[in-house]
């Protein structure tokens, strides 16, 4: 029986995958999310300035975790560690 991920787990996955910049298709597959679900999370994370949208010189777009997002990810990992202890 599989267990569904929490919103915090999905958010952590997105922030981890985006650490070095990632295109939306790769992010969608690696986070195992549908496009519509990923879009919802990306809009929320960009609004909170946890992820930023970067345009490359070739016209492609990448999403990258910001410094604020990295700090949030570290704090989220600390809380998760405490809760599991």
PDB file of N, CA and C in Angstrom:
ATOM      1  N   UNK A   1       0.841  -1.179   0.000  1.00  0.00           N
ATOM      2  CA  UNK A   1       0.000   0.000   0.000  1.00  0.00           C
ATOM      3  C   UNK A   1       0.888   1.245   0.000  1.00  0.00           C
ATOM      4  N   UNK A   2       0.667   2.133  -0.958  1.00  0.00           N
ATOM      5  CA  UNK A   2       1.495   3.330  -1.042  1.00  0.00           C
ATOM      6  C   UNK A   2       0.893   4.460  -0.220  1.00  0.00           C
ATOM      7  N   UNK A   3       1.758   5.317   0.248  1.00  0.00           N
ATOM      8  CA  UNK A   3       1.353   6.444   1.068  1.00  0.00           C
ATOM      9  C   UNK A   3       1.511   7.722   0.256  1.00  0.00           C
ATOM     10  N   UNK A   4       0.576   8.630   0.353  1.00  0.00           N
ATOM     11  CA  UNK A   4       0.655   9.890  -0.364  1.00  0.00           C
ATOM     12  C   UNK A   4       1.621  10.838   0.342  1.00  0.00           C
ATOM     13  N   UNK A   5       2.319  11.629  -0.444  1.00  0.00           N
ATOM     14  CA  UNK A   5       3.231  12.620   0.131  1.00  0.00           C
ATOM     15  C   UNK A   5       2.452  13.812   0.672  1.00  0.00           C
ATOM     16  N   UNK A   6       2.975  14.393   1.717  1.00  0.00           N
ATOM     17  CA  UNK A   6       2.376  15.609   2.257  1.00  0.00           C
ATOM     18  C   UNK A   6       2.787  16.795   1.380  1.00  0.00           C
ATOM     19  N   UNK A   7       2.107  17.913   1.574  1.00  0.00           N
ATOM     20  CA  UNK A   7       2.470  19.115   0.827  1.00  0.00           C
ATOM     21  C   UNK A   7       3.904  19.534   1.160  1.00  0.00           C
ATOM     22  N   UNK A   8       4.307  19.359   2.409  1.00  0.00           N
ATOM     23  CA  UNK A   8       5.673  19.706   2.814  1.00  0.00           C
ATOM     24  C   UNK A   8       6.694  18.823   2.096  1.00  0.00           C
ATOM     25  N   UNK A   9       6.382  17.546   1.932  1.00  0.00           N
ATOM     26  CA  UNK A   9       7.294  16.643   1.229  1.00  0.00           C
ATOM     27  C   UNK A   9       7.398  17.015  -0.250  1.00  0.00           C
ATOM     28  N   UNK A  10       6.283  17.368  -0.851  1.00  0.00           N
ATOM     29  CA  UNK A  10       6.289  17.785  -2.258  1.00  0.00           C
ATOM     30  C   UNK A  10       7.095  19.069  -2.411  1.00  0.00           C
ATOM     31  N   UNK A  11       6.882  20.002  -1.519  1.00  0.00           N
ATOM     32  CA  UNK A  11       7.622  21.261  -1.549  1.00  0.00           C
ATOM     33  C   UNK A  11       9.120  21.013  -1.397  1.00  0.00           C
ATOM     34  N   UNK A  12       9.499  20.159  -0.469  1.00  0.00           N
ATOM     35  CA  UNK A  12      10.917  19.824  -0.274  1.00  0.00           C
ATOM     36  C   UNK A  12      11.492  19.179  -1.531  1.00  0.00           C
ATOM     37  N   UNK A  13      10.736  18.304  -2.177  1.00  0.00           N
ATOM     38  CA  UNK A  13      11.199  17.673  -3.420  1.00  0.00           C
ATOM     39  C   UNK A  13      11.457  18.727  -4.492  1.00  0.00           C
ATOM     40  N   UNK A  14      10.539  19.645  -4.664  1.00  0.00           N
ATOM     41  CA  UNK A  14      10.678  20.693  -5.680  1.00  0.00           C
ATOM     42  C   UNK A  14      11.898  21.559  -5.391  1.00  0.00           C
ATOM     43  N   UNK A  15      12.070  21.958  -4.142  1.00  0.00           N
ATOM     44  CA  UNK A  15      13.215  22.801  -3.777  1.00  0.00           C
ATOM     45  C   UNK A  15      14.534  22.055  -3.970  1.00  0.00           C
ATOM     46  N   UNK A  16      14.582  20.778  -3.603  1.00  0.00           N
ATOM     47  CA  UNK A  16      15.805  19.976  -3.788  1.00  0.00           C
ATOM     48  C   UNK A  16      16.151  19.817  -5.263  1.00  0.00           C
ATOM     49  N   UNK A  17      15.167  19.480  -6.068  1.00  0.00           N
ATOM     50  CA  UNK A  17      15.403  19.251  -7.492  1.00  0.00           C
ATOM     51  C   UNK A  17      15.831  20.535  -8.190  1.00  0.00           C
ATOM     52  N   UNK A  18      15.340  21.672  -7.710  1.00  0.00           N
ATOM     53  CA  UNK A  18      15.612  22.965  -8.345  1.00  0.00           C
ATOM     54  C   UNK A  18      16.889  23.641  -7.851  1.00  0.00           C
ATOM     55  N   UNK A  19      17.638  23.006  -6.986  1.00  0.00           N
ATOM     56  CA  UNK A  19      18.816  23.649  -6.403  1.00  0.00           C
ATOM     57  C   UNK A  19      19.794  24.191  -7.441  1.00  0.00           C
ATOM     58  N   UNK A  20      20.027  23.468  -8.512  1.00  0.00           N
ATOM     59  CA  UNK A  20      20.997  23.886  -9.527  1.00  0.00           C
ATOM     60  C   UNK A  20      20.337  24.348 -10.814  1.00  0.00           C
ATOM     61  N   UNK A  21      19.056  24.608 -10.760  1.00  0.00           N
ATOM     62  CA  UNK A  21      18.334  25.030 -11.952  1.00  0.00           C
ATOM     63  C   UNK A  21      17.833  23.816 -12.713  1.00  0.00           C
ATOM     64  N   UNK A  22      16.589  23.867 -13.141  1.00  0.00           N
ATOM     65  CA  UNK A  22      15.989  22.728 -13.825  1.00  0.00           C
ATOM     66  C   UNK A  22      14.859  23.222 -14.729  1.00  0.00           C
ATOM     67  N   UNK A  23      14.710  22.561 -15.853  1.00  0.00           N
ATOM     68  CA  UNK A  23      13.602  22.882 -16.752  1.00  0.00           C
ATOM     69  C   UNK A  23      12.336  22.213 -16.234  1.00  0.00           C
ATOM     70  N   UNK A  24      11.202  22.759 -16.621  1.00  0.00           N
ATOM     71  CA  UNK A  24       9.921  22.330 -16.070  1.00  0.00           C
ATOM     72  C   UNK A  24       9.643  20.842 -16.329  1.00  0.00           C
ATOM     73  N   UNK A  25      10.001  20.331 -17.495  1.00  0.00           N
ATOM     74  CA  UNK A  25       9.718  18.924 -17.798  1.00  0.00           C
ATOM     75  C   UNK A  25      10.501  17.994 -16.885  1.00  0.00           C
ATOM     76  N   UNK A  26      11.773  18.276 -16.697  1.00  0.00           N
ATOM     77  CA  UNK A  26      12.596  17.452 -15.808  1.00  0.00           C
ATOM     78  C   UNK A  26      12.082  17.543 -14.374  1.00  0.00           C
ATOM     79  N   UNK A  27      11.719  18.746 -13.950  1.00  0.00           N
ATOM     80  CA  UNK A  27      11.182  18.936 -12.601  1.00  0.00           C
ATOM     81  C   UNK A  27       9.892  18.143 -12.420  1.00  0.00           C
ATOM     82  N   UNK A  28       9.040  18.170 -13.419  1.00  0.00           N
ATOM     83  CA  UNK A  28       7.771  17.448 -13.358  1.00  0.00           C
ATOM     84  C   UNK A  28       8.009  15.949 -13.199  1.00  0.00           C
ATOM     85  N   UNK A  29       8.925  15.396 -13.985  1.00  0.00           N
ATOM     86  CA  UNK A  29       9.185  13.956 -13.918  1.00  0.00           C
ATOM     87  C   UNK A  29       9.919  13.562 -12.638  1.00  0.00           C
ATOM     88  N   UNK A  30      10.929  14.329 -12.249  1.00  0.00           N
ATOM     89  CA  UNK A  30      11.687  13.971 -11.052  1.00  0.00           C
ATOM     90  C   UNK A  30      10.864  14.129  -9.778  1.00  0.00           C
ATOM     91  N   UNK A  31       9.961  15.103  -9.757  1.00  0.00           N
ATOM     92  CA  UNK A  31       9.102  15.291  -8.587  1.00  0.00           C
ATOM     93  C   UNK A  31       7.879  14.382  -8.647  1.00  0.00           C
ATOM     94  N   UNK A  32       7.696  13.709  -9.769  1.00  0.00           N
ATOM     95  CA  UNK A  32       6.571  12.801  -9.974  1.00  0.00           C
ATOM     96  C   UNK A  32       5.229  13.513  -9.751  1.00  0.00           C
ATOM     97  N   UNK A  33       5.076  14.637 -10.476  1.00  0.00           N
ATOM     98  CA  UNK A  33       3.862  15.437 -10.373  1.00  0.00           C
ATOM     99  C   UNK A  33       3.269  15.671 -11.750  1.00  0.00           C
ATOM    100  N   UNK A  34       1.969  15.834 -11.803  1.00  0.00           N
ATOM    101  CA  UNK A  34       1.337  16.215 -13.065  1.00  0.00           C
ATOM    102  C   UNK A  34       1.699  17.673 -13.343  1.00  0.00           C
ATOM    103  N   UNK A  35       1.537  18.083 -14.592  1.00  0.00           N
ATOM    104  CA  UNK A  35       1.861  19.462 -14.952  1.00  0.00           C
ATOM    105  C   UNK A  35       1.001  20.445 -14.162  1.00  0.00           C
ATOM    106  N   UNK A  36      -0.276  20.170 -14.029  1.00  0.00           N
ATOM    107  CA  UNK A  36      -1.166  21.103 -13.327  1.00  0.00           C
ATOM    108  C   UNK A  36      -0.801  21.217 -11.846  1.00  0.00           C
ATOM    109  N   UNK A  37      -0.454  20.103 -11.217  1.00  0.00           N
ATOM    110  CA  UNK A  37      -0.054  20.135  -9.805  1.00  0.00           C
ATOM    111  C   UNK A  37       1.276  20.879  -9.653  1.00  0.00           C
ATOM    112  N   UNK A  38       2.227  20.595 -10.524  1.00  0.00           N
ATOM    113  CA  UNK A  38       3.519  21.273 -10.474  1.00  0.00           C
ATOM    114  C   UNK A  38       3.342  22.775 -10.666  1.00  0.00           C
ATOM    115  N   UNK A  39       2.515  23.144 -11.603  1.00  0.00           N
ATOM    116  CA  UNK A  39       2.268  24.566 -11.875  1.00  0.00           C
ATOM    117  C   UNK A  39       1.737  25.270 -10.620  1.00  0.00           C
ATOM    118  N   UNK A  40       0.820  24.631  -9.906  1.00  0.00           N
ATOM    119  CA  UNK A  40       0.264  25.191  -8.672  1.00  0.00           C
ATOM    120  C   UNK A  40       1.384  25.436  -7.655  1.00  0.00           C
ATOM    121  N   UNK A  41       2.261  24.446  -7.478  1.00  0.00           N
ATOM    122  CA  UNK A  41       3.361  24.584  -6.520  1.00  0.00           C
ATOM    123  C   UNK A  41       4.378  25.622  -6.974  1.00  0.00           C
ATOM    124  N   UNK A  42       4.683  25.654  -8.271  1.00  0.00           N
ATOM    125  CA  UNK A  42       5.647  26.633  -8.767  1.00  0.00           C
ATOM    126  C   UNK A  42       5.131  28.057  -8.575  1.00  0.00           C
ATOM    127  N   UNK A  43       3.878  28.287  -8.867  1.00  0.00           N
ATOM    128  CA  UNK A  43       3.311  29.626  -8.668  1.00  0.00           C
ATOM    129  C   UNK A  43       3.386  30.037  -7.201  1.00  0.00           C
ATOM    130  N   UNK A  44       3.071  29.111  -6.302  1.00  0.00           N
ATOM    131  CA  UNK A  44       3.122  29.405  -4.866  1.00  0.00           C
ATOM    132  C   UNK A  44       4.554  29.661  -4.402  1.00  0.00           C
ATOM    133  N   UNK A  45       5.498  28.850  -4.863  1.00  0.00           N
ATOM    134  CA  UNK A  45       6.890  29.029  -4.426  1.00  0.00           C
ATOM    135  C   UNK A  45       7.492  30.305  -5.014  1.00  0.00           C
ATOM    136  N   UNK A  46       7.113  30.654  -6.231  1.00  0.00           N
ATOM    137  CA  UNK A  46       7.617  31.903  -6.811  1.00  0.00           C
ATOM    138  C   UNK A  46       7.013  33.115  -6.097  1.00  0.00           C
ATOM    139  N   UNK A  47       5.759  33.023  -5.722  1.00  0.00           N
ATOM    140  CA  UNK A  47       5.106  34.116  -4.989  1.00  0.00           C
ATOM    141  C   UNK A  47       5.803  34.350  -3.656  1.00  0.00           C
ATOM    142  N   UNK A  48       6.241  33.268  -3.003  1.00  0.00           N
ATOM    143  CA  UNK A  48       6.940  33.365  -1.723  1.00  0.00           C
ATOM    144  C   UNK A  48       8.445  33.593  -1.885  1.00  0.00           C
ATOM    145  N   UNK A  49       8.908  33.677  -3.132  1.00  0.00           N
ATOM    146  CA  UNK A  49      10.324  33.890  -3.476  1.00  0.00           C
ATOM    147  C   UNK A  49      11.225  32.752  -2.990  1.00  0.00           C
ATOM    148  N   UNK A  50      10.689  31.522  -3.032  1.00  0.00           N
ATOM    149  CA  UNK A  50      11.477  30.333  -2.706  1.00  0.00           C
ATOM    150  C   UNK A  50      12.128  29.769  -3.960  1.00  0.00           C
ATOM    151  N   UNK A  51      11.512  30.020  -5.101  1.00  0.00           N
ATOM    152  CA  UNK A  51      12.004  29.581  -6.404  1.00  0.00           C
ATOM    153  C   UNK A  51      11.905  30.766  -7.359  1.00  0.00           C
ATOM    154  N   UNK A  52      12.893  30.883  -8.251  1.00  0.00           N
ATOM    155  CA  UNK A  52      12.825  31.944  -9.256  1.00  0.00           C
ATOM    156  C   UNK A  52      12.876  31.345 -10.650  1.00  0.00           C
ATOM    157  N   UNK A  53      12.268  32.042 -11.576  1.00  0.00           N
ATOM    158  CA  UNK A  53      12.203  31.624 -12.975  1.00  0.00           C
ATOM    159  C   UNK A  53      13.293  32.381 -13.723  1.00  0.00           C
ATOM    160  N   UNK A  54      14.186  31.632 -14.360  1.00  0.00           N
ATOM    161  CA  UNK A  54      15.298  32.232 -15.081  1.00  0.00           C
ATOM    162  C   UNK A  54      15.172  31.935 -16.572  1.00  0.00           C
ATOM    163  N   UNK A  55      15.374  32.952 -17.398  1.00  0.00           N
ATOM    164  CA  UNK A  55      15.356  32.767 -18.851  1.00  0.00           C
ATOM    165  C   UNK A  55      16.791  32.661 -19.344  1.00  0.00           C
ATOM    166  N   UNK A  56      17.061  31.623 -20.129  1.00  0.00           N
ATOM    167  CA  UNK A  56      18.393  31.419 -20.696  1.00  0.00           C
ATOM    168  C   UNK A  56      18.524  32.170 -22.006  1.00  0.00           C
ATOM    169  N   UNK A  57      19.747  32.306 -22.488  1.00  0.00           N
ATOM    170  CA  UNK A  57      19.999  33.031 -23.735  1.00  0.00           C
ATOM    171  C   UNK A  57      19.351  32.356 -24.943  1.00  0.00           C
ATOM    172  N   UNK A  58      19.116  31.045 -24.842  1.00  0.00           N
ATOM    173  CA  UNK A  58      18.485  30.327 -25.957  1.00  0.00           C
ATOM    174  C   UNK A  58      16.954  30.382 -25.895  1.00  0.00           C
ATOM    175  N   UNK A  59      16.418  31.135 -24.937  1.00  0.00           N
ATOM    176  CA  UNK A  59      14.974  31.285 -24.819  1.00  0.00           C
ATOM    177  C   UNK A  59      14.308  30.260 -23.919  1.00  0.00           C
ATOM    178  N   UNK A  60      15.063  29.271 -23.428  1.00  0.00           N
ATOM    179  CA  UNK A  60      14.477  28.281 -22.531  1.00  0.00           C
ATOM    180  C   UNK A  60      14.368  28.854 -21.116  1.00  0.00           C
ATOM    181  N   UNK A  61      13.545  28.233 -20.310  1.00  0.00           N
ATOM    182  CA  UNK A  61      13.281  28.707 -18.952  1.00  0.00           C
ATOM    183  C   UNK A  61      13.696  27.630 -17.958  1.00  0.00           C
ATOM    184  N   UNK A  62      14.346  28.045 -16.890  1.00  0.00           N
ATOM    185  CA  UNK A  62      14.703  27.135 -15.797  1.00  0.00           C
ATOM    186  C   UNK A  62      14.181  27.712 -14.490  1.00  0.00           C
ATOM    187  N   UNK A  63      13.926  26.817 -13.560  1.00  0.00           N
ATOM    188  CA  UNK A  63      13.503  27.204 -12.222  1.00  0.00           C
ATOM    189  C   UNK A  63      14.639  26.876 -11.273  1.00  0.00           C
ATOM    190  N   UNK A  64      14.936  27.815 -10.386  1.00  0.00           N
ATOM    191  CA  UNK A  64      16.073  27.648  -9.487  1.00  0.00           C
ATOM    192  C   UNK A  64      15.671  28.055  -8.064  1.00  0.00           C
ATOM    193  N   UNK A  65      16.087  27.268  -7.093  1.00  0.00           N
ATOM    194  CA  UNK A  65      15.821  27.575  -5.694  1.00  0.00           C
ATOM    195  C   UNK A  65      16.618  28.808  -5.287  1.00  0.00           C
ATOM    196  N   UNK A  66      15.962  29.765  -4.657  1.00  0.00           N
ATOM    197  CA  UNK A  66      16.624  30.986  -4.190  1.00  0.00           C
ATOM    198  C   UNK A  66      17.312  30.729  -2.853  1.00  0.00           C
ATOM    199  N   UNK A  67      18.059  31.724  -2.378  1.00  0.00           N
ATOM    200  CA  UNK A  67      18.690  31.607  -1.061  1.00  0.00           C
ATOM    201  C   UNK A  67      17.623  31.462   0.025  1.00  0.00           C
ATOM    202  N   UNK A  68      16.534  32.187  -0.117  1.00  0.00           N
ATOM    203  CA  UNK A  68      15.423  32.067   0.833  1.00  0.00           C
ATOM    204  C   UNK A  68      14.854  30.647   0.791  1.00  0.00           C
ATOM    205  N   UNK A  69      14.775  30.073  -0.415  1.00  0.00           N
ATOM    206  CA  UNK A  69      14.284  28.707  -0.571  1.00  0.00           C
ATOM    207  C   UNK A  69      15.222  27.693   0.058  1.00  0.00           C
ATOM    208  N   UNK A  70      16.533  27.923  -0.066  1.00  0.00           N
ATOM    209  CA  UNK A  70      17.525  27.032   0.540  1.00  0.00           C
ATOM    210  C   UNK A  70      17.436  27.076   2.060  1.00  0.00           C
ATOM    211  N   UNK A  71      17.254  28.271   2.603  1.00  0.00           N
ATOM    212  CA  UNK A  71      17.092  28.416   4.049  1.00  0.00           C
ATOM    213  C   UNK A  71      15.819  27.706   4.511  1.00  0.00           C
ATOM    214  N   UNK A  72      14.735  27.896   3.765  1.00  0.00           N
ATOM    215  CA  UNK A  72      13.470  27.238   4.090  1.00  0.00           C
ATOM    216  C   UNK A  72      13.631  25.725   4.057  1.00  0.00           C
ATOM    217  N   UNK A  73      14.347  25.215   3.064  1.00  0.00           N
ATOM    218  CA  UNK A  73      14.571  23.782   2.927  1.00  0.00           C
ATOM    219  C   UNK A  73      15.365  23.236   4.113  1.00  0.00           C
ATOM    220  N   UNK A  74      16.404  23.959   4.545  1.00  0.00           N
ATOM    221  CA  UNK A  74      17.183  23.530   5.718  1.00  0.00           C
ATOM    222  C   UNK A  74      16.307  23.485   6.969  1.00  0.00           C
ATOM    223  N   UNK A  75      15.496  24.508   7.160  1.00  0.00           N
ATOM    224  CA  UNK A  75      14.608  24.556   8.333  1.00  0.00           C
ATOM    225  C   UNK A  75      13.578  23.427   8.273  1.00  0.00           C
ATOM    226  N   UNK A  76      13.054  23.160   7.095  1.00  0.00           N
ATOM    227  CA  UNK A  76      12.087  22.080   6.924  1.00  0.00           C
ATOM    228  C   UNK A  76      12.718  20.734   7.254  1.00  0.00           C
ATOM    229  N   UNK A  77      13.963  20.529   6.844  1.00  0.00           N
ATOM    230  CA  UNK A  77      14.673  19.282   7.165  1.00  0.00           C
ATOM    231  C   UNK A  77      14.900  19.157   8.672  1.00  0.00           C
ATOM    232  N   UNK A  78      15.218  20.270   9.330  1.00  0.00           N
ATOM    233  CA  UNK A  78      15.409  20.244  10.786  1.00  0.00           C
ATOM    234  C   UNK A  78      14.131  19.857  11.498  1.00  0.00           C
ATOM    235  N   UNK A  79      13.025  20.445  11.095  1.00  0.00           N
ATOM    236  CA  UNK A  79      11.737  20.132  11.716  1.00  0.00           C
ATOM    237  C   UNK A  79      11.370  18.672  11.481  1.00  0.00           C
ATOM    238  N   UNK A  80      11.568  18.200  10.268  1.00  0.00           N
ATOM    239  CA  UNK A  80      11.274  16.803   9.951  1.00  0.00           C
ATOM    240  C   UNK A  80      12.125  15.872  10.787  1.00  0.00           C
ATOM    241  N   UNK A  81      13.394  16.205  10.970  1.00  0.00           N
ATOM    242  CA  UNK A  81      14.288  15.380  11.780  1.00  0.00           C
ATOM    243  C   UNK A  81      13.823  15.329  13.244  1.00  0.00           C
ATOM    244  N   UNK A  82      13.426  16.476  13.778  1.00  0.00           N
ATOM    245  CA  UNK A  82      12.944  16.535  15.160  1.00  0.00           C
ATOM    246  C   UNK A  82      11.678  15.716  15.312  1.00  0.00           C
ATOM    247  N   UNK A  83      10.774  15.812  14.364  1.00  0.00           N
ATOM    248  CA  UNK A  83       9.511  15.080  14.449  1.00  0.00           C
ATOM    249  C   UNK A  83       9.704  13.571  14.369  1.00  0.00           C
ATOM    250  N   UNK A  84      10.741  13.139  13.659  1.00  0.00           N
ATOM    251  CA  UNK A  84      10.992  11.695  13.525  1.00  0.00           C
ATOM    252  C   UNK A  84      11.778  11.129  14.702  1.00  0.00           C
ATOM    253  N   UNK A  85      12.364  11.999  15.517  1.00  0.00           N
ATOM    254  CA  UNK A  85      13.167  11.539  16.661  1.00  0.00           C
ATOM    255  C   UNK A  85      12.311  11.069  17.807  1.00  0.00           C
TER     256      UNK A  85
END
